[in-house]
Structures are given as structure tokens and as C-alpha cells.
Amino acid sequence: MLFPGNSLRVQNALRKRLIKFGLELEPNKTKLVEFGRFAERDAGKHGRNRPETLYFLGFTIYCARNLKGNYKVGFRTEKSRLKRSLTNRDLMKLDDKRTSFQS
């Protein structure tokens, strides 16, 4: 991790801020993830093929490269959420078709 002090400082500040609202970080779900343009290089040092991915609010967030080879953050809808959303939407369309035939 390039600047572990900064990430720990932000995590502690967030923890204190959440306490003001009666909330807390779930220790089992909270971790610091190495992310950024050097994460790919440093992943090999930790025995991984690629940097860790992050799942947040229904999105998969990952390290990627653009066509020029520069670092970028990739966002993708989480597969389980996408599948659930599509099936719900398909069911709603099916209900709409059924009600229009009954009218």
C-alpha cells in the first residue's frame, strides 16, 4: 500500500463520523483494499494475479487500463443485482401485457 497512513486516517475519521449518527462500520465487512495505478504491480507481491475488486452498492469496482494503457477505475453492475433487476423488469412487462389483454 502506497500511503497506508492516509487510508487509516480516513477510516478512523469515517468511523468517528458514523458514531455521531448512531452508526458503525461492520468489522467483518470493512477492509482496506489496495487500489490505484500501482495496485496491479503490487498484487504479485501479495501472491495475487490481479488487484482486489471491491463490491459496493450493487457495483463491482476494479482496476483497469484504457486503450492507451493508462490506469482507470472500472465500474460494472454486480452480476447478481443485474440478474435480479432484469428478472423483475421482465415480470413487470409480463404483468403489463396480461392487464392490457384483460381490458
Protein backbone atom coordinates (compact mmCIF):
# COMPACT_ATOMS: atom_id res chain seq x y z
CA MET A 1 0.00 0.00 0.00
CA LEU A 2 1.47 3.30 -1.06
CA PHE A 3 0.11 5.54 1.71
CA PRO A 4 -1.28 3.31 4.49
CA GLY A 5 -1.31 6.22 6.96
CA ASN A 6 -3.76 8.19 4.82
CA SER A 7 -6.16 5.30 4.40
CA LEU A 8 -6.14 4.51 8.12
CA ARG A 9 -6.71 8.18 8.92
CA VAL A 10 -9.73 8.30 6.58
CA GLN A 11 -11.11 5.06 8.03
CA ASN A 12 -10.84 6.43 11.59
CA ALA A 13 -12.45 9.73 10.57
CA LEU A 14 -15.31 7.86 8.92
CA ARG A 15 -15.77 5.68 12.00
CA LYS A 16 -16.00 8.79 14.23
CA ARG A 17 -18.41 10.49 11.83
CA LEU A 18 -20.73 7.48 11.74
CA ILE A 19 -20.79 7.32 15.55
CA LYS A 20 -22.32 10.82 15.59
CA PHE A 21 -25.33 9.37 13.73
CA GLY A 22 -25.54 6.21 15.83
CA LEU A 23 -23.99 4.04 13.11
CA GLU A 24 -20.85 1.93 12.97
CA LEU A 25 -18.66 0.18 10.44
CA GLU A 26 -19.19 -3.59 10.36
CA PRO A 27 -15.73 -5.04 11.16
CA ASN A 28 -16.36 -8.22 9.14
CA LYS A 29 -17.27 -6.21 6.05
CA THR A 30 -14.68 -3.43 6.38
CA LYS A 31 -11.20 -3.77 4.95
CA LEU A 32 -8.60 -1.61 3.28
CA VAL A 33 -8.12 -2.53 -0.36
CA GLU A 34 -5.04 -1.56 -2.31
CA PHE A 35 -6.35 0.36 -5.27
CA GLY A 36 -4.74 2.60 -7.85
CA ARG A 37 -2.21 2.55 -10.64
CA PHE A 38 0.39 0.62 -8.64
CA ALA A 39 -2.04 -1.98 -7.27
CA GLU A 40 -1.51 -4.25 -10.29
CA ARG A 41 2.24 -4.21 -9.81
CA ASP A 42 1.99 -4.77 -6.05
CA ALA A 43 -0.59 -7.58 -6.34
CA GLY A 44 2.19 -10.00 -7.29
CA LYS A 45 3.98 -9.21 -4.03
CA HIS A 46 0.89 -10.41 -2.14
CA GLY A 47 0.54 -13.63 -4.18
CA ARG A 48 -2.38 -12.47 -6.36
CA ASN A 49 -2.61 -12.32 -10.16
CA ARG A 50 -4.57 -9.07 -10.21
CA PRO A 51 -5.62 -6.33 -7.78
CA GLU A 52 -8.56 -6.91 -5.48
CA THR A 53 -12.03 -5.94 -6.62
CA LEU A 54 -14.50 -4.08 -4.48
CA TYR A 55 -18.26 -4.66 -4.22
CA PHE A 56 -20.18 -1.57 -3.17
CA LEU A 57 -23.84 -0.58 -3.53
CA GLY A 58 -24.54 -3.12 -6.27
CA PHE A 59 -21.44 -2.30 -8.31
CA THR A 60 -18.20 -4.15 -8.87
CA ILE A 61 -15.31 -1.67 -8.82
CA TYR A 62 -11.99 -2.82 -10.23
CA CYS A 63 -8.65 -1.58 -11.55
CA ALA A 64 -8.45 -1.47 -15.35
CA ARG A 65 -6.50 0.09 -18.20
CA ASN A 66 -7.80 2.20 -21.06
CA LEU A 67 -6.77 1.74 -24.70
CA LYS A 68 -3.66 3.87 -24.15
CA GLY A 69 -2.61 1.65 -21.25
CA ASN A 70 -3.28 4.22 -18.54
CA TYR A 71 -4.89 3.30 -15.23
CA LYS A 72 -8.64 3.77 -14.85
CA VAL A 73 -11.30 2.68 -12.38
CA GLY A 74 -13.76 0.21 -13.89
CA PHE A 75 -17.39 0.05 -12.77
CA ARG A 76 -19.72 -2.80 -13.57
CA THR A 77 -23.15 -3.70 -12.23
CA GLU A 78 -22.84 -6.64 -9.87
CA LYS A 79 -24.00 -9.78 -11.70
CA SER A 80 -26.45 -10.91 -9.04
CA ARG A 81 -28.06 -7.45 -8.89
CA LEU A 82 -28.26 -7.20 -12.67
CA LYS A 83 -29.87 -10.62 -12.96
CA ARG A 84 -32.38 -9.78 -10.23
CA SER A 85 -33.19 -6.43 -11.84
CA LEU A 86 -33.70 -7.95 -15.26
CA THR A 87 -35.99 -10.68 -13.96
CA ASN A 88 -38.07 -8.15 -12.02
CA ARG A 89 -38.36 -5.91 -15.08
CA ASP A 90 -39.34 -8.85 -17.28
CA LEU A 91 -42.02 -9.84 -14.77
CA MET A 92 -43.36 -6.29 -14.76
CA LYS A 93 -43.54 -6.29 -18.57
CA LEU A 94 -45.34 -9.61 -18.47
CA ASP A 95 -47.87 -8.19 -15.98
CA ASP A 96 -48.40 -5.15 -18.23
CA LYS A 97 -49.14 -7.43 -21.19
CA ARG A 98 -51.57 -9.51 -19.14
CA THR A 99 -53.51 -6.48 -17.89
CA SER A 100 -53.73 -4.99 -21.41
CA PHE A 101 -55.22 -8.24 -22.75
CA GLN A 102 -57.80 -8.36 -19.96
CA SER A 103 -59.06 -4.83 -20.63
